[in-house]
Amino acid sequence: MNRISLPAEVGRVRPLAGGGWWVTCRDDPQHAVVLDDRLAEVRRLRVPLPPDVATYAVSPDAGLLAASGEDSVRVSGTNVDWSRQHGSWSDFPPGLGACAFSLDGTELWATVRPVDQDEPDDEEDLDDEDEDLHGEEGGGGWGDECWVLDAATGDVLARTSVDSEMSYSQLLAHPDGRHFAAVVSEGQDGSFGYWVRRDGNRLIKTPTDLTGRRDRLPVAVAPDGHHYLNQGWATLSTHSFPSAELIAERPAADVLLRGRPWNYVFDYYDPSTVLATLTDDGRATATVVLRAPSLEPLGEVEYPVPTRPRALVSAGDGSWLTVEGIDVVRWSLG
């Protein structure tokens, strides 16, 4: 166990692809704090959008912070400061995009609302540049979109429709550095997931579940990239990558303590172990350990001291962090 106390109460903590972590603090919402592997502060980054209307990402080298808001994507850093406008989620249906840096830090992936929702349906109205930017699976579709932007300039490199008007989305980077899992939710109308990769100026997407189930979504990717975890309404399943073939599927009631899968946060502890953490009102209340990819339950984590952390997150390196107040603690399985 390794513990560090920060100067302010921690709001969220996320791993950096390049090693280390970044956190936001509740009494300093204008900055994100970068921590090294020893949980020591090394840098502060300015948040370029109001914290209550944005989701964030930090580049692997910890030099850039991206914010995806209701009508724009913005990136700030020492020598970079740009904004890319898109359509607004301020009207129905309400929603919010997601953003994530590529593993080499050169691209920013984002889910956005187009300026004109009707434009993609009329191919004759697209100019040559727009045609080049639309992927073979999208652009001519409808609804919100996934964009790939140049992280240094904000130029749109590729885009595709996600065939949905989102209320929620998430982007999960695959360890191969080329694919992202895009999770798209329409709220009560259902959710689905795609594997998306860039091929030049096109985005190519394939389903993350070959059965076509609309509500079986990727929630974690194994650190070695060989398989990933899908969450359904009442099941958990693992699938091989890149084929998306089913490896194992279990009723959630057989492997989780209580509650539905959407009450849990899932992280790979290492390529062969999954941590399933039950949350209640923003606090982690219990963690179940599952073998991967078989999803065999191995037991429940027993902490040496009572703890109800507000966050639990792993970088897949054989450890995980919890956050409670100003304390950030690193744990590992005995």
C-alpha atoms as a PDB file:
ATOM      1  CA  MET A   1       0.000   0.000   0.000  1.00  0.00           C
ATOM      2  CA  ASN A   2       1.292   3.445  -0.950  1.00  0.00           C
ATOM      3  CA  ARG A   3      -0.495   6.579   0.328  1.00  0.00           C
ATOM      4  CA  ILE A   4      -0.155  10.240  -0.530  1.00  0.00           C
ATOM      5  CA  SER A   5      -2.159  13.183   0.782  1.00  0.00           C
ATOM      6  CA  LEU A   6      -2.813  15.996  -1.693  1.00  0.00           C
ATOM      7  CA  PRO A   7      -3.339  19.647  -0.717  1.00  0.00           C
ATOM      8  CA  ALA A   8      -7.026  19.525  -1.724  1.00  0.00           C
ATOM      9  CA  GLU A   9      -9.900  17.053  -1.948  1.00  0.00           C
ATOM     10  CA  VAL A  10      -9.656  14.927  -5.083  1.00  0.00           C
ATOM     11  CA  GLY A  11     -12.582  14.867  -7.521  1.00  0.00           C
ATOM     12  CA  ARG A  12     -11.424  12.267 -10.034  1.00  0.00           C
ATOM     13  CA  VAL A  13      -8.302  10.304 -10.921  1.00  0.00           C
ATOM     14  CA  ARG A  14      -7.330   8.735 -14.270  1.00  0.00           C
ATOM     15  CA  PRO A  15      -4.224   6.908 -15.542  1.00  0.00           C
ATOM     16  CA  LEU A  16      -1.935   8.461 -18.141  1.00  0.00           C
ATOM     17  CA  ALA A  17      -1.050   6.318 -21.152  1.00  0.00           C
ATOM     18  CA  GLY A  18       2.559   7.433 -20.794  1.00  0.00           C
ATOM     19  CA  GLY A  19       2.693   6.437 -17.104  1.00  0.00           C
ATOM     20  CA  GLY A  20       1.528   8.286 -14.024  1.00  0.00           C
ATOM     21  CA  TRP A  21      -1.886   9.775 -13.274  1.00  0.00           C
ATOM     22  CA  TRP A  22      -3.904  12.956 -13.502  1.00  0.00           C
ATOM     23  CA  VAL A  23      -6.433  14.191 -10.959  1.00  0.00           C
ATOM     24  CA  THR A  24      -8.871  17.039 -10.527  1.00  0.00           C
ATOM     25  CA  CYS A  25      -9.411  18.719  -7.169  1.00  0.00           C
ATOM     26  CA  ARG A  26     -12.782  19.901  -5.911  1.00  0.00           C
ATOM     27  CA  ASP A  27     -11.612  23.291  -4.619  1.00  0.00           C
ATOM     28  CA  ASP A  28      -9.493  24.039  -7.721  1.00  0.00           C
ATOM     29  CA  PRO A  29     -11.732  23.094 -10.666  1.00  0.00           C
ATOM     30  CA  GLN A  30      -9.710  25.235 -13.085  1.00  0.00           C
ATOM     31  CA  HIS A  31      -6.708  22.895 -13.097  1.00  0.00           C
ATOM     32  CA  ALA A  32      -5.817  19.218 -13.455  1.00  0.00           C
ATOM     33  CA  VAL A  33      -2.865  17.890 -11.441  1.00  0.00           C
ATOM     34  CA  VAL A  34      -0.414  15.427 -13.017  1.00  0.00           C
ATOM     35  CA  LEU A  35       1.162  12.831 -10.702  1.00  0.00           C
ATOM     36  CA  ASP A  36       4.096  10.542 -11.448  1.00  0.00           C
ATOM     37  CA  ASP A  37       4.190   6.802 -10.694  1.00  0.00           C
ATOM     38  CA  ARG A  38       5.065   7.576  -7.076  1.00  0.00           C
ATOM     39  CA  LEU A  39       2.000   9.856  -6.821  1.00  0.00           C
ATOM     40  CA  ALA A  40       4.132  12.991  -6.558  1.00  0.00           C
ATOM     41  CA  GLU A  41       2.854  16.158  -8.254  1.00  0.00           C
ATOM     42  CA  VAL A  42       4.817  17.085 -11.378  1.00  0.00           C
ATOM     43  CA  ARG A  43       2.583  19.546 -13.255  1.00  0.00           C
ATOM     44  CA  ARG A  44      -0.664  21.498 -13.301  1.00  0.00           C
ATOM     45  CA  LEU A  45      -2.722  21.971 -16.468  1.00  0.00           C
ATOM     46  CA  ARG A  46      -5.323  24.673 -17.077  1.00  0.00           C
ATOM     47  CA  VAL A  47      -8.887  23.483 -17.772  1.00  0.00           C
ATOM     48  CA  PRO A  48     -10.019  25.283 -20.962  1.00  0.00           C
ATOM     49  CA  LEU A  49     -13.789  24.898 -20.402  1.00  0.00           C
ATOM     50  CA  PRO A  50     -16.034  25.299 -17.336  1.00  0.00           C
ATOM     51  CA  PRO A  51     -15.736  22.062 -15.318  1.00  0.00           C
ATOM     52  CA  ASP A  52     -19.495  21.559 -15.031  1.00  0.00           C
ATOM     53  CA  VAL A  53     -20.062  21.368 -18.807  1.00  0.00           C
ATOM     54  CA  ALA A  54     -17.119  19.281 -19.998  1.00  0.00           C
ATOM     55  CA  THR A  55     -15.356  15.934 -19.972  1.00  0.00           C
ATOM     56  CA  TYR A  56     -11.561  15.851 -20.006  1.00  0.00           C
ATOM     57  CA  ALA A  57      -8.530  14.022 -21.358  1.00  0.00           C
ATOM     58  CA  VAL A  58      -4.801  14.525 -20.774  1.00  0.00           C
ATOM     59  CA  SER A  59      -2.178  13.681 -23.404  1.00  0.00           C
ATOM     60  CA  PRO A  60       0.250  10.795 -22.688  1.00  0.00           C
ATOM     61  CA  ASP A  61       3.156  13.219 -22.187  1.00  0.00           C
ATOM     62  CA  ALA A  62       0.980  15.278 -19.793  1.00  0.00           C
ATOM     63  CA  GLY A  63       1.528  18.386 -21.914  1.00  0.00           C
ATOM     64  CA  LEU A  64      -2.038  18.947 -23.188  1.00  0.00           C
ATOM     65  CA  LEU A  65      -5.473  18.976 -21.602  1.00  0.00           C
ATOM     66  CA  ALA A  66      -8.559  18.504 -23.792  1.00  0.00           C
ATOM     67  CA  ALA A  67     -12.098  19.425 -22.808  1.00  0.00           C
ATOM     68  CA  SER A  68     -15.192  18.257 -24.669  1.00  0.00           C
ATOM     69  CA  GLY A  69     -18.145  20.546 -23.969  1.00  0.00           C
ATOM     70  CA  GLU A  70     -21.720  20.986 -25.097  1.00  0.00           C
ATOM     71  CA  ASP A  71     -20.767  22.890 -28.282  1.00  0.00           C
ATOM     72  CA  SER A  72     -16.985  22.719 -28.724  1.00  0.00           C
ATOM     73  CA  VAL A  73     -13.767  20.779 -28.209  1.00  0.00           C
ATOM     74  CA  ARG A  74     -10.823  22.733 -26.775  1.00  0.00           C
ATOM     75  CA  VAL A  75      -7.189  21.885 -26.108  1.00  0.00           C
ATOM     76  CA  SER A  76      -4.673  23.889 -24.098  1.00  0.00           C
ATOM     77  CA  GLY A  77      -1.003  23.432 -23.263  1.00  0.00           C
ATOM     78  CA  THR A  78       2.280  25.309 -23.113  1.00  0.00           C
ATOM     79  CA  ASN A  79       2.426  26.009 -26.852  1.00  0.00           C
ATOM     80  CA  VAL A  80      -1.028  24.816 -27.953  1.00  0.00           C
ATOM     81  CA  ASP A  81      -4.373  26.561 -27.545  1.00  0.00           C
ATOM     82  CA  TRP A  82      -7.216  25.871 -29.982  1.00  0.00           C
ATOM     83  CA  SER A  83     -10.973  25.457 -30.108  1.00  0.00           C
ATOM     84  CA  ARG A  84     -13.135  23.530 -32.583  1.00  0.00           C
ATOM     85  CA  GLN A  85     -16.843  24.371 -32.620  1.00  0.00           C
ATOM     86  CA  HIS A  86     -19.547  21.793 -33.310  1.00  0.00           C
ATOM     87  CA  GLY A  87     -23.305  21.586 -32.846  1.00  0.00           C
ATOM     88  CA  SER A  88     -24.811  22.056 -29.395  1.00  0.00           C
ATOM     89  CA  TRP A  89     -26.306  19.585 -26.935  1.00  0.00           C
ATOM     90  CA  SER A  90     -28.023  22.429 -25.090  1.00  0.00           C
ATOM     91  CA  ASP A  91     -31.348  21.508 -26.741  1.00  0.00           C
ATOM     92  CA  PHE A  92     -33.159  18.172 -26.923  1.00  0.00           C
ATOM     93  CA  PRO A  93     -31.846  15.539 -26.765  1.00  0.00           C
ATOM     94  CA  PRO A  94     -29.470  16.692 -24.031  1.00  0.00           C
ATOM     95  CA  GLY A  95     -26.063  15.037 -24.076  1.00  0.00           C
ATOM     96  CA  LEU A  96     -22.348  15.480 -23.786  1.00  0.00           C
ATOM     97  CA  GLY A  97     -19.484  14.295 -25.918  1.00  0.00           C
ATOM     98  CA  ALA A  98     -16.334  12.453 -24.898  1.00  0.00           C
ATOM     99  CA  CYS A  99     -12.685  12.954 -25.850  1.00  0.00           C
ATOM    100  CA  ALA A 100      -9.488  10.898 -25.633  1.00  0.00           C
ATOM    101  CA  PHE A 101      -5.929  11.266 -26.912  1.00  0.00           C
ATOM    102  CA  SER A 102      -4.319   8.643 -29.100  1.00  0.00           C
ATOM    103  CA  LEU A 103      -1.546   6.699 -27.386  1.00  0.00           C
ATOM    104  CA  ASP A 104       1.135   8.657 -29.256  1.00  0.00           C
ATOM    105  CA  GLY A 105      -0.532  11.968 -28.373  1.00  0.00           C
ATOM    106  CA  THR A 106      -0.779  13.230 -31.960  1.00  0.00           C
ATOM    107  CA  GLU A 107      -4.562  12.828 -32.308  1.00  0.00           C
ATOM    108  CA  LEU A 108      -7.577  13.766 -30.252  1.00  0.00           C
ATOM    109  CA  TRP A 109     -10.661  11.589 -30.733  1.00  0.00           C
ATOM    110  CA  ALA A 110     -14.014  13.124 -29.837  1.00  0.00           C
ATOM    111  CA  THR A 111     -17.723  12.385 -30.083  1.00  0.00           C
ATOM    112  CA  VAL A 112     -19.535  15.522 -31.220  1.00  0.00           C
ATOM    113  CA  ARG A 113     -22.847  16.912 -32.446  1.00  0.00           C
ATOM    114  CA  PRO A 114     -22.710  18.139 -36.070  1.00  0.00           C
ATOM    115  CA  VAL A 115     -23.623  21.764 -36.723  1.00  0.00           C
ATOM    116  CA  ASP A 116     -26.481  20.698 -39.012  1.00  0.00           C
ATOM    117  CA  GLN A 117     -28.063  17.323 -38.267  1.00  0.00           C
ATOM    118  CA  ASP A 118     -29.759  17.306 -41.676  1.00  0.00           C
ATOM    119  CA  GLU A 119     -26.557  17.823 -43.673  1.00  0.00           C
ATOM    120  CA  PRO A 120     -25.244  14.226 -43.600  1.00  0.00           C
ATOM    121  CA  ASP A 121     -28.478  12.936 -45.159  1.00  0.00           C
ATOM    122  CA  ASP A 122     -27.993  14.965 -48.342  1.00  0.00           C
ATOM    123  CA  GLU A 123     -24.784  13.760 -50.022  1.00  0.00           C
ATOM    124  CA  GLU A 124     -25.244  16.147 -52.958  1.00  0.00           C
ATOM    125  CA  ASP A 125     -24.797  19.108 -50.639  1.00  0.00           C
ATOM    126  CA  LEU A 126     -21.378  17.951 -49.425  1.00  0.00           C
ATOM    127  CA  ASP A 127     -18.336  19.588 -50.993  1.00  0.00           C
ATOM    128  CA  ASP A 128     -15.257  17.592 -51.958  1.00  0.00           C
ATOM    129  CA  GLU A 129     -13.494  18.224 -48.663  1.00  0.00           C
ATOM    130  CA  ASP A 130     -16.474  17.004 -46.631  1.00  0.00           C
ATOM    131  CA  GLU A 131     -16.752  13.881 -48.758  1.00  0.00           C
ATOM    132  CA  ASP A 132     -13.104  13.072 -48.095  1.00  0.00           C
ATOM    133  CA  LEU A 133     -13.555  13.509 -44.342  1.00  0.00           C
ATOM    134  CA  HIS A 134     -16.532  11.170 -44.035  1.00  0.00           C
ATOM    135  CA  GLY A 135     -15.736   7.536 -43.336  1.00  0.00           C
ATOM    136  CA  GLU A 136     -16.996   4.648 -45.376  1.00  0.00           C
ATOM    137  CA  GLU A 137     -19.350   3.697 -42.552  1.00  0.00           C
ATOM    138  CA  GLY A 138     -20.565   7.221 -41.776  1.00  0.00           C
ATOM    139  CA  GLY A 139     -20.973  10.783 -42.875  1.00  0.00           C
ATOM    140  CA  GLY A 140     -23.865   9.762 -45.088  1.00  0.00           C
ATOM    141  CA  GLY A 141     -25.640   8.482 -42.003  1.00  0.00           C
ATOM    142  CA  TRP A 142     -27.447  10.553 -39.407  1.00  0.00           C
ATOM    143  CA  GLY A 143     -27.065  11.744 -35.838  1.00  0.00           C
ATOM    144  CA  ASP A 144     -23.939  12.570 -33.896  1.00  0.00           C
ATOM    145  CA  GLU A 145     -20.398  11.852 -35.054  1.00  0.00           C
ATOM    146  CA  CYS A 146     -16.968  10.636 -34.045  1.00  0.00           C
ATOM    147  CA  TRP A 147     -14.132  12.952 -35.102  1.00  0.00           C
ATOM    148  CA  VAL A 148     -10.371  12.548 -35.160  1.00  0.00           C
ATOM    149  CA  LEU A 149      -8.565  15.887 -34.792  1.00  0.00           C
ATOM    150  CA  ASP A 150      -4.935  16.893 -35.039  1.00  0.00           C
ATOM    151  CA  ALA A 151      -3.993  17.387 -31.383  1.00  0.00           C
ATOM    152  CA  ALA A 152      -1.694  20.324 -32.185  1.00  0.00           C
ATOM    153  CA  THR A 153      -3.922  22.291 -34.563  1.00  0.00           C
ATOM    154  CA  GLY A 154      -7.527  21.106 -34.136  1.00  0.00           C
ATOM    155  CA  ASP A 155      -7.839  20.214 -37.836  1.00  0.00           C
ATOM    156  CA  VAL A 156     -10.420  17.477 -38.490  1.00  0.00           C
ATOM    157  CA  LEU A 157      -8.560  14.500 -39.978  1.00  0.00           C
ATOM    158  CA  ALA A 158     -11.492  12.065 -40.279  1.00  0.00           C
ATOM    159  CA  ARG A 159     -15.088  11.684 -39.146  1.00  0.00           C
ATOM    160  CA  THR A 160     -17.961   9.213 -39.216  1.00  0.00           C
ATOM    161  CA  SER A 161     -21.570   9.089 -38.073  1.00  0.00           C
ATOM    162  CA  VAL A 162     -22.418   7.032 -35.002  1.00  0.00           C
ATOM    163  CA  ASP A 163     -26.037   6.647 -36.178  1.00  0.00           C
ATOM    164  CA  SER A 164     -27.398   7.980 -32.921  1.00  0.00           C
ATOM    165  CA  GLU A 165     -28.375  11.139 -31.092  1.00  0.00           C
ATOM    166  CA  MET A 166     -26.343  10.642 -27.951  1.00  0.00           C
ATOM    167  CA  SER A 167     -27.215  11.252 -24.358  1.00  0.00           C
ATOM    168  CA  TYR A 168     -23.886   9.749 -23.252  1.00  0.00           C
ATOM    169  CA  SER A 169     -20.691   8.496 -24.866  1.00  0.00           C
ATOM    170  CA  GLN A 170     -17.279   7.122 -23.934  1.00  0.00           C
ATOM    171  CA  LEU A 171     -14.042   6.442 -25.815  1.00  0.00           C
ATOM    172  CA  LEU A 172     -11.706   3.608 -24.741  1.00  0.00           C
ATOM    173  CA  ALA A 173      -8.239   3.398 -26.320  1.00  0.00           C
ATOM    174  CA  HIS A 174      -7.030  -0.029 -27.449  1.00  0.00           C
ATOM    175  CA  PRO A 175      -3.381  -0.840 -26.583  1.00  0.00           C
ATOM    176  CA  ASP A 176      -2.550  -1.280 -30.281  1.00  0.00           C
ATOM    177  CA  GLY A 177      -2.669   2.513 -30.638  1.00  0.00           C
ATOM    178  CA  ARG A 178      -4.958   2.341 -33.690  1.00  0.00           C
ATOM    179  CA  HIS A 179      -8.427   1.466 -32.399  1.00  0.00           C
ATOM    180  CA  PHE A 180     -10.888   3.117 -30.055  1.00  0.00           C
ATOM    181  CA  ALA A 181     -14.006   1.562 -28.593  1.00  0.00           C
ATOM    182  CA  ALA A 182     -16.811   4.115 -28.967  1.00  0.00           C
ATOM    183  CA  VAL A 183     -19.696   3.619 -26.542  1.00  0.00           C
ATOM    184  CA  VAL A 184     -22.860   5.437 -27.587  1.00  0.00           C
ATOM    185  CA  SER A 185     -26.025   5.701 -25.503  1.00  0.00           C
ATOM    186  CA  GLU A 186     -29.446   7.062 -26.392  1.00  0.00           C
ATOM    187  CA  GLY A 187     -30.681   6.714 -22.833  1.00  0.00           C
ATOM    188  CA  GLN A 188     -33.908   4.739 -22.611  1.00  0.00           C
ATOM    189  CA  ASP A 189     -33.718   3.995 -26.350  1.00  0.00           C
ATOM    190  CA  GLY A 190     -30.666   1.800 -25.873  1.00  0.00           C
ATOM    191  CA  SER A 191     -26.912   1.802 -26.304  1.00  0.00           C
ATOM    192  CA  PHE A 192     -24.325   0.166 -28.534  1.00  0.00           C
ATOM    193  CA  GLY A 193     -20.592   0.058 -29.198  1.00  0.00           C
ATOM    194  CA  TYR A 194     -18.190   0.232 -32.140  1.00  0.00           C
ATOM    195  CA  TRP A 195     -14.531  -0.469 -32.698  1.00  0.00           C
ATOM    196  CA  VAL A 196     -13.317   2.509 -34.727  1.00  0.00           C
ATOM    197  CA  ARG A 197      -9.994   2.955 -36.519  1.00  0.00           C
ATOM    198  CA  ARG A 198      -8.626   5.609 -38.839  1.00  0.00           C
ATOM    199  CA  ASP A 199      -7.554   4.627 -42.341  1.00  0.00           C
ATOM    200  CA  GLY A 200      -6.150   7.810 -43.876  1.00  0.00           C
ATOM    201  CA  ASN A 201      -9.002  10.315 -43.995  1.00  0.00           C
ATOM    202  CA  ARG A 202     -11.644   7.658 -43.317  1.00  0.00           C
ATOM    203  CA  LEU A 203     -12.966   6.178 -40.093  1.00  0.00           C
ATOM    204  CA  ILE A 204     -13.971   2.528 -40.241  1.00  0.00           C
ATOM    205  CA  LYS A 205     -16.220   1.122 -37.542  1.00  0.00           C
ATOM    206  CA  THR A 206     -17.252  -2.432 -36.663  1.00  0.00           C
ATOM    207  CA  PRO A 207     -19.560  -3.676 -33.879  1.00  0.00           C
ATOM    208  CA  THR A 208     -18.028  -4.699 -30.566  1.00  0.00           C
ATOM    209  CA  ASP A 209     -20.632  -7.462 -30.225  1.00  0.00           C
ATOM    210  CA  LEU A 210     -21.267  -9.809 -33.151  1.00  0.00           C
ATOM    211  CA  THR A 211     -24.687 -10.882 -31.860  1.00  0.00           C
ATOM    212  CA  GLY A 212     -26.020  -7.413 -32.616  1.00  0.00           C
ATOM    213  CA  ARG A 213     -27.288  -6.891 -29.066  1.00  0.00           C
ATOM    214  CA  ARG A 214     -27.884  -3.190 -28.719  1.00  0.00           C
ATOM    215  CA  ASP A 215     -27.182  -2.988 -25.003  1.00  0.00           C
ATOM    216  CA  ARG A 216     -23.975  -5.012 -24.631  1.00  0.00           C
ATOM    217  CA  LEU A 217     -21.228  -2.402 -24.366  1.00  0.00           C
ATOM    218  CA  PRO A 218     -17.425  -2.427 -23.983  1.00  0.00           C
ATOM    219  CA  VAL A 219     -16.439  -1.132 -20.553  1.00  0.00           C
ATOM    220  CA  ALA A 220     -12.778  -2.223 -20.257  1.00  0.00           C
ATOM    221  CA  VAL A 221      -9.971  -3.442 -22.531  1.00  0.00           C
ATOM    222  CA  ALA A 222      -7.313  -5.926 -21.380  1.00  0.00           C
ATOM    223  CA  PRO A 223      -3.839  -4.342 -21.086  1.00  0.00           C
ATOM    224  CA  ASP A 224      -2.417  -6.814 -23.618  1.00  0.00           C
ATOM    225  CA  GLY A 225      -5.248  -5.990 -26.057  1.00  0.00           C
ATOM    226  CA  HIS A 226      -6.224  -9.606 -26.695  1.00  0.00           C
ATOM    227  CA  HIS A 227      -9.734  -9.371 -25.240  1.00  0.00           C
ATOM    228  CA  TYR A 228     -12.207  -6.933 -23.732  1.00  0.00           C
ATOM    229  CA  LEU A 229     -15.169  -6.867 -21.361  1.00  0.00           C
ATOM    230  CA  ASN A 230     -18.729  -6.131 -22.447  1.00  0.00           C
ATOM    231  CA  GLN A 231     -21.496  -5.182 -20.012  1.00  0.00           C
ATOM    232  CA  GLY A 232     -25.118  -6.070 -20.709  1.00  0.00           C
ATOM    233  CA  TRP A 233     -28.362  -5.475 -18.853  1.00  0.00           C
ATOM    234  CA  ALA A 234     -28.033  -8.754 -16.958  1.00  0.00           C
ATOM    235  CA  THR A 235     -24.803 -10.343 -18.255  1.00  0.00           C
ATOM    236  CA  LEU A 236     -21.063  -9.857 -18.503  1.00  0.00           C
ATOM    237  CA  SER A 237     -19.154 -11.162 -21.509  1.00  0.00           C
ATOM    238  CA  THR A 238     -15.593 -11.195 -22.814  1.00  0.00           C
ATOM    239  CA  HIS A 239     -14.723 -11.029 -26.499  1.00  0.00           C
ATOM    240  CA  SER A 240     -11.544 -11.578 -28.472  1.00  0.00           C
ATOM    241  CA  PHE A 241      -9.920  -8.700 -30.321  1.00  0.00           C
ATOM    242  CA  PRO A 242     -10.102  -7.912 -33.204  1.00  0.00           C
ATOM    243  CA  SER A 243     -12.632 -10.612 -34.174  1.00  0.00           C
ATOM    244  CA  ALA A 244     -15.184  -9.639 -31.456  1.00  0.00           C
ATOM    245  CA  GLU A 245     -15.970 -13.355 -31.080  1.00  0.00           C
ATOM    246  CA  LEU A 246     -17.529 -14.369 -27.758  1.00  0.00           C
ATOM    247  CA  ILE A 247     -15.090 -15.998 -25.314  1.00  0.00           C
ATOM    248  CA  ALA A 248     -17.218 -16.226 -22.174  1.00  0.00           C
ATOM    249  CA  GLU A 249     -20.580 -14.999 -20.937  1.00  0.00           C
ATOM    250  CA  ARG A 250     -22.018 -15.216 -17.428  1.00  0.00           C
ATOM    251  CA  PRO A 251     -25.190 -13.940 -15.757  1.00  0.00           C
ATOM    252  CA  ALA A 252     -24.215 -10.917 -13.701  1.00  0.00           C
ATOM    253  CA  ALA A 253     -26.071 -12.335 -10.705  1.00  0.00           C
ATOM    254  CA  ASP A 254     -23.645 -15.301 -10.668  1.00  0.00           C
ATOM    255  CA  VAL A 255     -20.451 -13.252 -10.485  1.00  0.00           C
ATOM    256  CA  LEU A 256     -21.378  -9.914  -8.907  1.00  0.00           C
ATOM    257  CA  LEU A 257     -22.352  -9.290  -5.287  1.00  0.00           C
ATOM    258  CA  ARG A 258     -25.637  -7.504  -5.862  1.00  0.00           C
ATOM    259  CA  GLY A 259     -27.188  -4.910  -8.091  1.00  0.00           C
ATOM    260  CA  ARG A 260     -27.141  -4.583 -11.877  1.00  0.00           C
ATOM    261  CA  PRO A 261     -23.940  -4.354 -13.969  1.00  0.00           C
ATOM    262  CA  TRP A 262     -24.447  -0.623 -14.571  1.00  0.00           C
ATOM    263  CA  ASN A 263     -23.964  -0.083 -10.809  1.00  0.00           C
ATOM    264  CA  TYR A 264     -20.357  -1.279 -11.202  1.00  0.00           C
ATOM    265  CA  VAL A 265     -17.122   0.201 -12.495  1.00  0.00           C
ATOM    266  CA  PHE A 266     -14.897  -2.310 -14.310  1.00  0.00           C
ATOM    267  CA  ASP A 267     -11.101  -2.181 -14.622  1.00  0.00           C
ATOM    268  CA  TYR A 268      -8.480  -4.683 -15.690  1.00  0.00           C
ATOM    269  CA  TYR A 269      -6.053  -5.182 -12.790  1.00  0.00           C
ATOM    270  CA  ASP A 270      -3.772  -7.045 -15.204  1.00  0.00           C
ATOM    271  CA  PRO A 271      -4.416  -9.012 -18.433  1.00  0.00           C
ATOM    272  CA  SER A 272      -5.859 -11.971 -16.510  1.00  0.00           C
ATOM    273  CA  THR A 273      -7.814 -10.189 -13.745  1.00  0.00           C
ATOM    274  CA  VAL A 274     -10.824  -7.840 -13.680  1.00  0.00           C
ATOM    275  CA  LEU A 275     -11.901  -5.635 -10.767  1.00  0.00           C
ATOM    276  CA  ALA A 276     -15.671  -5.059 -10.569  1.00  0.00           C
ATOM    277  CA  THR A 277     -16.440  -2.269  -8.105  1.00  0.00           C
ATOM    278  CA  LEU A 278     -19.957  -1.638  -6.819  1.00  0.00           C
ATOM    279  CA  THR A 279     -20.739   2.072  -6.474  1.00  0.00           C
ATOM    280  CA  ASP A 280     -23.445   3.772  -4.448  1.00  0.00           C
ATOM    281  CA  ASP A 281     -24.015   7.529  -4.594  1.00  0.00           C
ATOM    282  CA  GLY A 282     -20.571   8.030  -6.090  1.00  0.00           C
ATOM    283  CA  ARG A 283     -18.756   5.901  -3.528  1.00  0.00           C
ATOM    284  CA  ALA A 284     -17.132   2.503  -4.030  1.00  0.00           C
ATOM    285  CA  THR A 285     -18.686   0.063  -1.556  1.00  0.00           C
ATOM    286  CA  ALA A 286     -17.212  -3.321  -2.574  1.00  0.00           C
ATOM    287  CA  THR A 287     -14.878  -4.834  -5.171  1.00  0.00           C
ATOM    288  CA  VAL A 288     -15.171  -8.308  -6.706  1.00  0.00           C
ATOM    289  CA  VAL A 289     -12.199  -9.988  -8.419  1.00  0.00           C
ATOM    290  CA  LEU A 290     -12.885 -11.948 -11.632  1.00  0.00           C
ATOM    291  CA  ARG A 291     -10.538 -14.109 -13.663  1.00  0.00           C
ATOM    292  CA  ALA A 292     -10.192 -13.000 -17.283  1.00  0.00           C
ATOM    293  CA  PRO A 293     -11.258 -13.857 -19.859  1.00  0.00           C
ATOM    294  CA  SER A 294     -13.327 -16.687 -18.264  1.00  0.00           C
ATOM    295  CA  LEU A 295     -15.089 -14.309 -15.794  1.00  0.00           C
ATOM    296  CA  GLU A 296     -14.731 -16.887 -13.019  1.00  0.00           C
ATOM    297  CA  PRO A 297     -15.323 -15.129  -9.659  1.00  0.00           C
ATOM    298  CA  LEU A 298     -12.242 -15.272  -7.426  1.00  0.00           C
ATOM    299  CA  GLY A 299     -13.528 -13.454  -4.347  1.00  0.00           C
ATOM    300  CA  GLU A 300     -14.016 -10.024  -2.824  1.00  0.00           C
ATOM    301  CA  VAL A 301     -11.319  -7.517  -1.919  1.00  0.00           C
ATOM    302  CA  GLU A 302     -10.860  -7.161   1.827  1.00  0.00           C
ATOM    303  CA  TYR A 303      -9.295  -3.845   2.744  1.00  0.00           C
ATOM    304  CA  PRO A 304      -7.185  -3.787   5.942  1.00  0.00           C
ATOM    305  CA  VAL A 305      -8.996  -0.638   7.108  1.00  0.00           C
ATOM    306  CA  PRO A 306     -12.593   0.516   6.575  1.00  0.00           C
ATOM    307  CA  THR A 307     -12.800   2.559   3.392  1.00  0.00           C
ATOM    308  CA  ARG A 308     -15.524   4.033   1.227  1.00  0.00           C
ATOM    309  CA  PRO A 309     -13.536   5.715  -1.545  1.00  0.00           C
ATOM    310  CA  ARG A 310     -15.074   7.987  -4.157  1.00  0.00           C
ATOM    311  CA  ALA A 311     -13.015   6.425  -6.930  1.00  0.00           C
ATOM    312  CA  LEU A 312     -11.241   3.216  -7.820  1.00  0.00           C
ATOM    313  CA  VAL A 313      -9.147   3.017 -10.980  1.00  0.00           C
ATOM    314  CA  SER A 314      -6.436   0.745 -12.377  1.00  0.00           C
ATOM    315  CA  ALA A 315      -3.950   1.240 -15.208  1.00  0.00           C
ATOM    316  CA  GLY A 316      -3.785  -2.535 -15.736  1.00  0.00           C
ATOM    317  CA  ASP A 317      -0.316  -2.676 -14.187  1.00  0.00           C
ATOM    318  CA  GLY A 318      -1.118  -4.970 -11.260  1.00  0.00           C
ATOM    319  CA  SER A 319      -2.289  -2.254  -8.885  1.00  0.00           C
ATOM    320  CA  TRP A 320      -5.171   0.161  -8.400  1.00  0.00           C
ATOM    321  CA  LEU A 321      -5.819   3.522  -6.787  1.00  0.00           C
ATOM    322  CA  THR A 322      -8.549   4.614  -4.417  1.00  0.00           C
ATOM    323  CA  VAL A 323      -9.404   8.213  -3.572  1.00  0.00           C
ATOM    324  CA  GLU A 324     -10.927   9.278  -0.269  1.00  0.00           C
ATOM    325  CA  GLY A 325     -10.939  12.962   0.572  1.00  0.00           C
ATOM    326  CA  ILE A 326      -7.392  14.256   0.115  1.00  0.00           C
ATOM    327  CA  ASP A 327      -5.876  10.757   0.242  1.00  0.00           C
ATOM    328  CA  VAL A 328      -4.812   8.786  -2.834  1.00  0.00           C
ATOM    329  CA  VAL A 329      -3.850   5.187  -2.036  1.00  0.00           C
ATOM    330  CA  ARG A 330      -2.286   2.530  -4.272  1.00  0.00           C
ATOM    331  CA  TRP A 331      -3.234  -1.099  -3.587  1.00  0.00           C
ATOM    332  CA  SER A 332      -2.278  -4.507  -4.951  1.00  0.00           C
ATOM    333  CA  LEU A 333      -3.636  -8.016  -4.427  1.00  0.00           C
ATOM    334  CA  GLY A 334      -1.843 -10.092  -1.791  1.00  0.00           C
END
